[in-house]
Amino acid sequence: NALSQVQVIPGEGKDLEAMANPDFNPAQQVVLSAPLPAGISSQLSGKQAQLKYEISKDEVDDQLFKVQLDANSLVTVSENVFPGWKAWVDGNPAEILTGNHVFRTLLVPAGDHQVEFRYVPAWLTPLLWGMIAWCLSAVAYAVFQLRGRRTAPLAPAQTN
């Protein structure tokens, strides 16, 4: 959805109360629990943008959309926001906001764009580096063990 009305309601559960109002229209309104960054709020016109989109890729941890808008707009994707999700608009990092309590929301400028969401959890990079360190230490240990075996074997003891 391309949203024209943004409402910021801080406080635990207050956003849910606002969305329970019968006048709430998720196709036009987004409720945020944190204020919009200044760089985003200054780019919004407050008018409803015409949105056209096409899903290019929809995998568990990678989603790609072709998006066309006639005005800058916050766009809400009805997928849960979760720590580790990253977004790019035309290959440039974009800030993901939490809209309507659980959905990924981001600013998309007017025009044709490619929007990508990718799940990159914070624990992945340290885990990969740990695995590399473990593999290197296993190789070093194996080399150490093999070098120790190159010494000539002892001759058997002679008995008289």
N, C-alpha and C. Protein backbone atom coordinates (compact mmCIF):
# COMPACT_ATOMS: atom_id res chain seq x y z
N ASN A 1 0.83 -1.19 0.00
CA ASN A 1 0.00 0.00 0.00
C ASN A 1 0.87 1.25 0.00
N ALA A 2 0.50 2.21 -0.80
CA ALA A 2 1.12 3.54 -0.76
C ALA A 2 0.23 4.38 0.15
N LEU A 3 0.82 4.91 1.19
CA LEU A 3 0.03 5.53 2.25
C LEU A 3 0.09 7.05 2.18
N SER A 4 -1.05 7.67 2.43
CA SER A 4 -1.10 9.13 2.38
C SER A 4 -1.19 9.75 3.77
N GLN A 5 -1.63 8.99 4.75
CA GLN A 5 -1.82 9.54 6.10
C GLN A 5 -0.92 8.80 7.07
N VAL A 6 -0.08 9.56 7.76
CA VAL A 6 0.85 8.99 8.72
C VAL A 6 0.48 9.51 10.09
N GLN A 7 0.36 8.58 11.02
CA GLN A 7 0.02 8.94 12.39
C GLN A 7 1.07 8.32 13.30
N VAL A 8 1.68 9.12 14.17
CA VAL A 8 2.67 8.62 15.12
C VAL A 8 2.02 8.56 16.49
N ILE A 9 1.98 7.36 17.06
CA ILE A 9 1.37 7.16 18.37
C ILE A 9 2.35 6.36 19.23
N PRO A 10 3.18 7.07 20.01
CA PRO A 10 4.13 6.35 20.87
C PRO A 10 3.40 5.70 22.05
N GLY A 11 4.00 4.69 22.58
CA GLY A 11 3.42 4.02 23.74
C GLY A 11 2.99 2.61 23.41
N GLU A 12 3.25 1.72 24.32
CA GLU A 12 2.96 0.30 24.14
C GLU A 12 1.46 0.07 23.96
N GLY A 13 1.06 -0.48 22.85
CA GLY A 13 -0.33 -0.84 22.60
C GLY A 13 -1.21 0.29 22.12
N LYS A 14 -0.73 1.52 22.16
CA LYS A 14 -1.54 2.66 21.73
C LYS A 14 -1.80 2.59 20.22
N ASP A 15 -0.83 2.08 19.46
CA ASP A 15 -1.02 1.96 18.03
C ASP A 15 -2.13 0.97 17.70
N LEU A 16 -2.22 -0.09 18.48
CA LEU A 16 -3.30 -1.07 18.26
C LEU A 16 -4.67 -0.46 18.55
N GLU A 17 -4.74 0.39 19.56
CA GLU A 17 -6.00 1.07 19.87
C GLU A 17 -6.42 1.96 18.70
N ALA A 18 -5.46 2.67 18.10
CA ALA A 18 -5.79 3.55 16.98
C ALA A 18 -6.26 2.74 15.78
N MET A 19 -5.67 1.58 15.56
CA MET A 19 -6.05 0.76 14.41
C MET A 19 -7.39 0.07 14.64
N ALA A 20 -7.83 -0.04 15.89
CA ALA A 20 -9.13 -0.65 16.18
C ALA A 20 -10.28 0.31 15.88
N ASN A 21 -9.98 1.58 15.67
CA ASN A 21 -11.00 2.58 15.35
C ASN A 21 -11.66 2.20 14.02
N PRO A 22 -12.99 2.22 13.94
CA PRO A 22 -13.67 1.85 12.69
C PRO A 22 -13.31 2.75 11.50
N ASP A 23 -12.82 3.95 11.75
CA ASP A 23 -12.44 4.86 10.67
C ASP A 23 -11.04 4.58 10.12
N PHE A 24 -10.30 3.68 10.74
CA PHE A 24 -8.94 3.37 10.31
C PHE A 24 -8.98 2.60 8.99
N ASN A 25 -8.24 3.10 7.99
CA ASN A 25 -8.18 2.46 6.68
C ASN A 25 -6.72 2.12 6.37
N PRO A 26 -6.32 0.84 6.51
CA PRO A 26 -4.91 0.48 6.30
C PRO A 26 -4.43 0.68 4.87
N ALA A 27 -5.33 0.87 3.92
CA ALA A 27 -4.92 1.13 2.54
C ALA A 27 -4.44 2.57 2.36
N GLN A 28 -4.79 3.46 3.29
CA GLN A 28 -4.39 4.86 3.18
C GLN A 28 -3.64 5.37 4.40
N GLN A 29 -3.76 4.68 5.52
CA GLN A 29 -3.18 5.16 6.76
C GLN A 29 -2.12 4.19 7.29
N VAL A 30 -1.12 4.77 7.93
CA VAL A 30 -0.13 3.97 8.64
C VAL A 30 0.04 4.58 10.02
N VAL A 31 0.09 3.70 11.01
CA VAL A 31 0.34 4.11 12.38
C VAL A 31 1.75 3.66 12.74
N LEU A 32 2.56 4.62 13.16
CA LEU A 32 3.94 4.35 13.56
C LEU A 32 4.06 4.55 15.06
N SER A 33 4.89 3.74 15.72
CA SER A 33 5.09 3.90 17.15
C SER A 33 6.31 4.78 17.46
N ALA A 34 7.04 5.16 16.44
CA ALA A 34 8.19 6.05 16.60
C ALA A 34 8.08 7.16 15.55
N PRO A 35 8.56 8.36 15.87
CA PRO A 35 8.49 9.47 14.90
C PRO A 35 9.26 9.16 13.62
N LEU A 36 8.78 9.71 12.54
CA LEU A 36 9.48 9.59 11.25
C LEU A 36 10.79 10.35 11.32
N PRO A 37 11.86 9.78 10.79
CA PRO A 37 13.09 10.56 10.69
C PRO A 37 12.86 11.81 9.83
N ALA A 38 13.55 12.89 10.16
CA ALA A 38 13.36 14.17 9.46
C ALA A 38 13.58 14.02 7.96
N GLY A 39 14.55 13.22 7.57
CA GLY A 39 14.84 13.04 6.15
C GLY A 39 13.70 12.40 5.39
N ILE A 40 12.87 11.63 6.08
CA ILE A 40 11.74 10.97 5.43
C ILE A 40 10.51 11.87 5.44
N SER A 41 10.21 12.46 6.60
CA SER A 41 8.98 13.27 6.70
C SER A 41 9.01 14.47 5.75
N SER A 42 10.19 15.02 5.48
CA SER A 42 10.26 16.19 4.59
C SER A 42 10.00 15.81 3.13
N GLN A 43 10.06 14.52 2.78
CA GLN A 43 9.86 14.09 1.40
C GLN A 43 8.43 13.68 1.09
N LEU A 44 7.56 13.67 2.10
CA LEU A 44 6.18 13.24 1.89
C LEU A 44 5.27 14.42 1.58
N SER A 45 4.36 14.23 0.63
CA SER A 45 3.46 15.31 0.24
C SER A 45 2.13 15.26 0.97
N GLY A 46 1.77 14.10 1.52
CA GLY A 46 0.48 13.96 2.19
C GLY A 46 -0.64 13.57 1.24
N LYS A 47 -0.34 13.45 -0.06
CA LYS A 47 -1.34 13.04 -1.05
C LYS A 47 -1.22 11.55 -1.29
N GLN A 48 -2.33 10.92 -1.65
CA GLN A 48 -2.33 9.49 -1.98
C GLN A 48 -1.60 9.27 -3.29
N ALA A 49 -0.57 8.43 -3.27
CA ALA A 49 0.18 8.13 -4.49
C ALA A 49 -0.45 6.94 -5.19
N GLN A 50 -0.33 6.93 -6.50
CA GLN A 50 -0.78 5.78 -7.29
C GLN A 50 0.36 4.77 -7.30
N LEU A 51 0.06 3.57 -6.85
CA LEU A 51 1.07 2.53 -6.73
C LEU A 51 0.78 1.39 -7.68
N LYS A 52 1.81 0.99 -8.41
CA LYS A 52 1.76 -0.23 -9.21
C LYS A 52 3.00 -1.03 -8.82
N TYR A 53 2.82 -2.34 -8.65
CA TYR A 53 3.97 -3.15 -8.28
C TYR A 53 3.88 -4.53 -8.91
N GLU A 54 5.04 -5.14 -8.98
CA GLU A 54 5.14 -6.51 -9.50
C GLU A 54 6.13 -7.25 -8.61
N ILE A 55 5.78 -8.45 -8.22
CA ILE A 55 6.68 -9.26 -7.40
C ILE A 55 7.62 -10.01 -8.34
N SER A 56 8.92 -9.73 -8.22
CA SER A 56 9.91 -10.39 -9.07
C SER A 56 10.48 -11.63 -8.40
N LYS A 57 10.61 -11.59 -7.09
CA LYS A 57 11.16 -12.73 -6.35
C LYS A 57 10.48 -12.75 -4.98
N ASP A 58 10.03 -13.91 -4.56
CA ASP A 58 9.39 -14.04 -3.25
C ASP A 58 9.87 -15.33 -2.60
N GLU A 59 11.01 -15.22 -1.95
CA GLU A 59 11.58 -16.35 -1.22
C GLU A 59 11.48 -16.07 0.27
N VAL A 60 11.81 -17.06 1.07
CA VAL A 60 11.68 -16.93 2.51
C VAL A 60 12.52 -15.78 3.06
N ASP A 61 13.75 -15.62 2.55
CA ASP A 61 14.65 -14.61 3.09
C ASP A 61 15.10 -13.56 2.08
N ASP A 62 14.42 -13.50 0.94
CA ASP A 62 14.78 -12.53 -0.10
C ASP A 62 13.56 -12.22 -0.95
N GLN A 63 13.18 -10.95 -0.99
CA GLN A 63 12.01 -10.53 -1.77
C GLN A 63 12.40 -9.34 -2.63
N LEU A 64 11.91 -9.36 -3.86
CA LEU A 64 12.23 -8.31 -4.81
C LEU A 64 10.95 -7.84 -5.49
N PHE A 65 10.75 -6.52 -5.49
CA PHE A 65 9.55 -5.91 -6.08
C PHE A 65 9.97 -4.85 -7.08
N LYS A 66 9.21 -4.73 -8.16
CA LYS A 66 9.31 -3.59 -9.05
C LYS A 66 8.16 -2.68 -8.67
N VAL A 67 8.48 -1.45 -8.33
CA VAL A 67 7.48 -0.52 -7.80
C VAL A 67 7.45 0.73 -8.66
N GLN A 68 6.23 1.20 -8.95
CA GLN A 68 6.06 2.44 -9.71
C GLN A 68 5.11 3.33 -8.91
N LEU A 69 5.57 4.56 -8.62
CA LEU A 69 4.77 5.53 -7.87
C LEU A 69 4.76 6.86 -8.63
N ASP A 70 3.65 7.60 -8.50
CA ASP A 70 3.61 8.92 -9.13
C ASP A 70 3.99 10.03 -8.16
N ALA A 71 4.24 9.69 -6.88
CA ALA A 71 4.67 10.66 -5.87
C ALA A 71 5.45 9.91 -4.79
N ASN A 72 6.33 10.62 -4.10
CA ASN A 72 7.03 10.01 -2.96
C ASN A 72 5.99 9.50 -1.98
N SER A 73 6.24 8.31 -1.43
CA SER A 73 5.25 7.75 -0.53
C SER A 73 5.89 6.73 0.41
N LEU A 74 5.27 6.60 1.58
CA LEU A 74 5.60 5.47 2.43
C LEU A 74 4.85 4.28 1.85
N VAL A 75 5.54 3.18 1.71
CA VAL A 75 4.94 1.96 1.17
C VAL A 75 5.01 0.90 2.27
N THR A 76 3.88 0.28 2.54
CA THR A 76 3.82 -0.79 3.53
C THR A 76 3.67 -2.12 2.81
N VAL A 77 4.53 -3.04 3.16
CA VAL A 77 4.48 -4.39 2.64
C VAL A 77 3.92 -5.26 3.76
N SER A 78 2.89 -6.01 3.47
CA SER A 78 2.24 -6.78 4.53
C SER A 78 3.04 -8.04 4.87
N GLU A 79 4.26 -7.80 5.29
CA GLU A 79 5.17 -8.83 5.80
C GLU A 79 5.68 -8.31 7.14
N ASN A 80 5.87 -9.21 8.08
CA ASN A 80 6.33 -8.81 9.40
C ASN A 80 7.73 -8.23 9.37
N VAL A 81 7.89 -7.17 10.15
CA VAL A 81 9.23 -6.62 10.36
C VAL A 81 9.83 -7.44 11.49
N PHE A 82 11.10 -7.75 11.37
CA PHE A 82 11.78 -8.56 12.36
C PHE A 82 13.24 -8.17 12.32
N PRO A 83 13.92 -8.14 13.47
CA PRO A 83 15.34 -7.77 13.44
C PRO A 83 16.10 -8.66 12.46
N GLY A 84 16.88 -8.06 11.63
CA GLY A 84 17.65 -8.80 10.63
C GLY A 84 17.20 -8.50 9.22
N TRP A 85 15.99 -7.97 9.04
CA TRP A 85 15.54 -7.61 7.69
C TRP A 85 16.22 -6.31 7.28
N LYS A 86 16.73 -6.30 6.08
CA LYS A 86 17.36 -5.11 5.48
C LYS A 86 16.61 -4.79 4.19
N ALA A 87 16.63 -3.51 3.81
CA ALA A 87 15.92 -3.08 2.59
C ALA A 87 16.85 -2.24 1.73
N TRP A 88 16.63 -2.35 0.41
CA TRP A 88 17.35 -1.55 -0.57
C TRP A 88 16.36 -1.04 -1.60
N VAL A 89 16.50 0.23 -1.98
CA VAL A 89 15.73 0.81 -3.07
C VAL A 89 16.74 1.15 -4.15
N ASP A 90 16.62 0.50 -5.29
CA ASP A 90 17.56 0.66 -6.40
C ASP A 90 19.01 0.40 -5.97
N GLY A 91 19.20 -0.57 -5.10
CA GLY A 91 20.54 -0.94 -4.65
C GLY A 91 21.09 -0.11 -3.52
N ASN A 92 20.37 0.94 -3.11
CA ASN A 92 20.81 1.79 -2.00
C ASN A 92 20.09 1.39 -0.73
N PRO A 93 20.80 1.30 0.40
CA PRO A 93 20.14 0.92 1.66
C PRO A 93 19.00 1.87 2.00
N ALA A 94 17.91 1.30 2.50
CA ALA A 94 16.74 2.09 2.90
C ALA A 94 16.37 1.70 4.33
N GLU A 95 15.87 2.67 5.07
CA GLU A 95 15.48 2.43 6.45
C GLU A 95 14.09 1.79 6.50
N ILE A 96 14.00 0.69 7.24
CA ILE A 96 12.71 0.02 7.42
C ILE A 96 12.08 0.55 8.70
N LEU A 97 10.84 1.01 8.56
CA LEU A 97 10.05 1.46 9.70
C LEU A 97 9.01 0.40 10.01
N THR A 98 8.53 0.39 11.25
CA THR A 98 7.46 -0.54 11.63
C THR A 98 6.14 0.21 11.53
N GLY A 99 5.32 -0.20 10.58
CA GLY A 99 4.02 0.43 10.37
C GLY A 99 2.90 -0.51 10.74
N ASN A 100 1.84 0.06 11.28
CA ASN A 100 0.66 -0.70 11.69
C ASN A 100 1.05 -1.89 12.56
N HIS A 101 1.93 -1.62 13.49
CA HIS A 101 2.36 -2.51 14.56
C HIS A 101 3.31 -3.62 14.13
N VAL A 102 3.20 -4.16 12.91
CA VAL A 102 4.03 -5.31 12.54
C VAL A 102 4.57 -5.29 11.11
N PHE A 103 4.17 -4.35 10.27
CA PHE A 103 4.51 -4.42 8.85
C PHE A 103 5.74 -3.59 8.50
N ARG A 104 6.46 -4.07 7.47
CA ARG A 104 7.62 -3.34 6.96
C ARG A 104 7.13 -2.14 6.15
N THR A 105 7.65 -0.98 6.50
CA THR A 105 7.26 0.26 5.84
C THR A 105 8.53 1.02 5.49
N LEU A 106 8.58 1.55 4.26
CA LEU A 106 9.74 2.35 3.88
C LEU A 106 9.34 3.41 2.87
N LEU A 107 10.19 4.43 2.78
CA LEU A 107 9.97 5.52 1.83
C LEU A 107 10.45 5.07 0.46
N VAL A 108 9.58 5.23 -0.54
CA VAL A 108 9.94 4.96 -1.93
C VAL A 108 9.66 6.23 -2.71
N PRO A 109 10.66 6.76 -3.41
CA PRO A 109 10.45 7.99 -4.17
C PRO A 109 9.59 7.75 -5.41
N ALA A 110 9.10 8.84 -5.96
CA ALA A 110 8.30 8.76 -7.19
C ALA A 110 9.14 8.17 -8.31
N GLY A 111 8.49 7.43 -9.20
CA GLY A 111 9.17 6.84 -10.34
C GLY A 111 9.18 5.33 -10.28
N ASP A 112 9.98 4.73 -11.16
CA ASP A 112 10.12 3.27 -11.21
C ASP A 112 11.32 2.86 -10.38
N HIS A 113 11.12 1.89 -9.49
CA HIS A 113 12.19 1.47 -8.59
C HIS A 113 12.16 -0.02 -8.37
N GLN A 114 13.30 -0.51 -7.95
CA GLN A 114 13.42 -1.90 -7.54
C GLN A 114 13.61 -1.89 -6.03
N VAL A 115 12.72 -2.57 -5.31
CA VAL A 115 12.78 -2.63 -3.85
C VAL A 115 13.10 -4.07 -3.46
N GLU A 116 14.16 -4.22 -2.66
CA GLU A 116 14.54 -5.56 -2.22
C GLU A 116 14.57 -5.62 -0.70
N PHE A 117 14.05 -6.71 -0.17
CA PHE A 117 14.15 -7.03 1.25
C PHE A 117 14.96 -8.31 1.36
N ARG A 118 15.93 -8.29 2.26
CA ARG A 118 16.75 -9.48 2.47
C ARG A 118 16.93 -9.68 3.97
N TYR A 119 16.82 -10.94 4.39
CA TYR A 119 17.00 -11.26 5.80
C TYR A 119 18.47 -11.57 6.05
N VAL A 120 19.12 -10.72 6.84
CA VAL A 120 20.52 -10.87 7.19
C VAL A 120 20.62 -10.73 8.71
N PRO A 121 20.46 -11.85 9.43
CA PRO A 121 20.46 -11.75 10.89
C PRO A 121 21.81 -11.32 11.44
N ALA A 122 21.79 -10.63 12.58
CA ALA A 122 23.01 -10.09 13.17
C ALA A 122 23.98 -11.20 13.59
N TRP A 123 23.49 -12.37 13.90
CA TRP A 123 24.35 -13.46 14.36
C TRP A 123 25.06 -14.17 13.21
N LEU A 124 24.67 -13.92 11.97
CA LEU A 124 25.23 -14.66 10.85
C LEU A 124 26.72 -14.39 10.64
N THR A 125 27.13 -13.13 10.64
CA THR A 125 28.54 -12.79 10.39
C THR A 125 29.46 -13.35 11.47
N PRO A 126 29.16 -13.15 12.77
CA PRO A 126 30.05 -13.76 13.78
C PRO A 126 30.09 -15.29 13.69
N LEU A 127 28.97 -15.90 13.33
CA LEU A 127 28.95 -17.35 13.18
C LEU A 127 29.87 -17.79 12.04
N LEU A 128 29.81 -17.11 10.91
CA LEU A 128 30.67 -17.45 9.78
C LEU A 128 32.15 -17.27 10.13
N TRP A 129 32.50 -16.17 10.81
CA TRP A 129 33.89 -15.96 11.21
C TRP A 129 34.33 -17.03 12.22
N GLY A 130 33.44 -17.42 13.11
CA GLY A 130 33.76 -18.49 14.07
C GLY A 130 34.01 -19.81 13.37
N MET A 131 33.20 -20.10 12.35
CA MET A 131 33.39 -21.34 11.60
C MET A 131 34.72 -21.32 10.85
N ILE A 132 35.06 -20.19 10.26
CA ILE A 132 36.34 -20.06 9.56
C ILE A 132 37.50 -20.27 10.55
N ALA A 133 37.41 -19.64 11.72
CA ALA A 133 38.47 -19.79 12.73
C ALA A 133 38.58 -21.24 13.17
N TRP A 134 37.46 -21.90 13.36
CA TRP A 134 37.49 -23.31 13.78
C TRP A 134 38.14 -24.17 12.70
N CYS A 135 37.78 -23.96 11.44
CA CYS A 135 38.36 -24.74 10.35
C CYS A 135 39.87 -24.52 10.26
N LEU A 136 40.31 -23.27 10.38
CA LEU A 136 41.74 -22.97 10.33
C LEU A 136 42.48 -23.62 11.50
N SER A 137 41.87 -23.59 12.68
CA SER A 137 42.52 -24.22 13.83
C SER A 137 42.57 -25.73 13.67
N ALA A 138 41.56 -26.34 13.07
CA ALA A 138 41.57 -27.79 12.82
C ALA A 138 42.67 -28.16 11.83
N VAL A 139 42.85 -27.35 10.79
CA VAL A 139 43.91 -27.59 9.82
C VAL A 139 45.28 -27.43 10.49
N ALA A 140 45.44 -26.38 11.29
CA ALA A 140 46.71 -26.16 11.99
C ALA A 140 47.01 -27.32 12.94
N TYR A 141 46.02 -27.81 13.64
CA TYR A 141 46.21 -28.95 14.54
C TYR A 141 46.61 -30.20 13.76
N ALA A 142 45.97 -30.45 12.62
CA ALA A 142 46.31 -31.61 11.80
C ALA A 142 47.74 -31.51 11.30
N VAL A 143 48.16 -30.34 10.84
CA VAL A 143 49.54 -30.14 10.37
C VAL A 143 50.50 -30.37 11.52
N PHE A 144 50.21 -29.88 12.69
CA PHE A 144 51.06 -30.06 13.87
C PHE A 144 51.19 -31.55 14.20
N GLN A 145 50.08 -32.28 14.15
CA GLN A 145 50.11 -33.71 14.44
C GLN A 145 50.92 -34.47 13.40
N LEU A 146 50.78 -34.14 12.13
CA LEU A 146 51.51 -34.83 11.08
C LEU A 146 53.01 -34.54 11.15
N ARG A 147 53.38 -33.34 11.49
CA ARG A 147 54.80 -32.99 11.61
C ARG A 147 55.45 -33.75 12.75
N GLY A 148 54.71 -33.99 13.80
CA GLY A 148 55.24 -34.73 14.94
C GLY A 148 55.47 -36.19 14.61
N ARG A 149 54.83 -36.76 13.64
CA ARG A 149 54.96 -38.16 13.29
C ARG A 149 56.12 -38.40 12.31
N ARG A 150 56.77 -37.41 11.83
CA ARG A 150 57.84 -37.58 10.86
C ARG A 150 59.16 -38.01 11.51
N THR A 151 59.24 -38.03 12.80
CA THR A 151 60.47 -38.46 13.44
C THR A 151 60.62 -39.96 13.25
N ALA A 152 61.87 -40.41 13.21
CA ALA A 152 62.14 -41.84 12.98
C ALA A 152 61.60 -42.65 14.15
N PRO A 153 61.01 -43.79 13.84
CA PRO A 153 60.50 -44.61 14.95
C PRO A 153 61.67 -45.17 15.76
N LEU A 154 61.42 -45.40 17.01
CA LEU A 154 62.43 -45.95 17.90
C LEU A 154 62.66 -47.43 17.56
N ALA A 155 63.91 -47.85 17.67
CA ALA A 155 64.21 -49.26 17.45
C ALA A 155 63.69 -50.05 18.65
N PRO A 156 63.26 -51.29 18.40
CA PRO A 156 62.76 -52.08 19.52
C PRO A 156 63.89 -52.37 20.53
N ALA A 157 63.54 -52.47 21.74
CA ALA A 157 64.51 -52.73 22.79
C ALA A 157 65.04 -54.16 22.64
N GLN A 158 66.33 -54.35 22.88
CA GLN A 158 66.94 -55.69 22.74
C GLN A 158 67.06 -56.32 24.12
N THR A 159 66.74 -57.57 24.17
CA THR A 159 66.87 -58.30 25.43
C THR A 159 68.04 -59.27 25.33
N ASN A 160 68.77 -59.52 26.38
CA ASN A 160 69.91 -60.43 26.37
C ASN A 160 69.53 -61.75 26.94
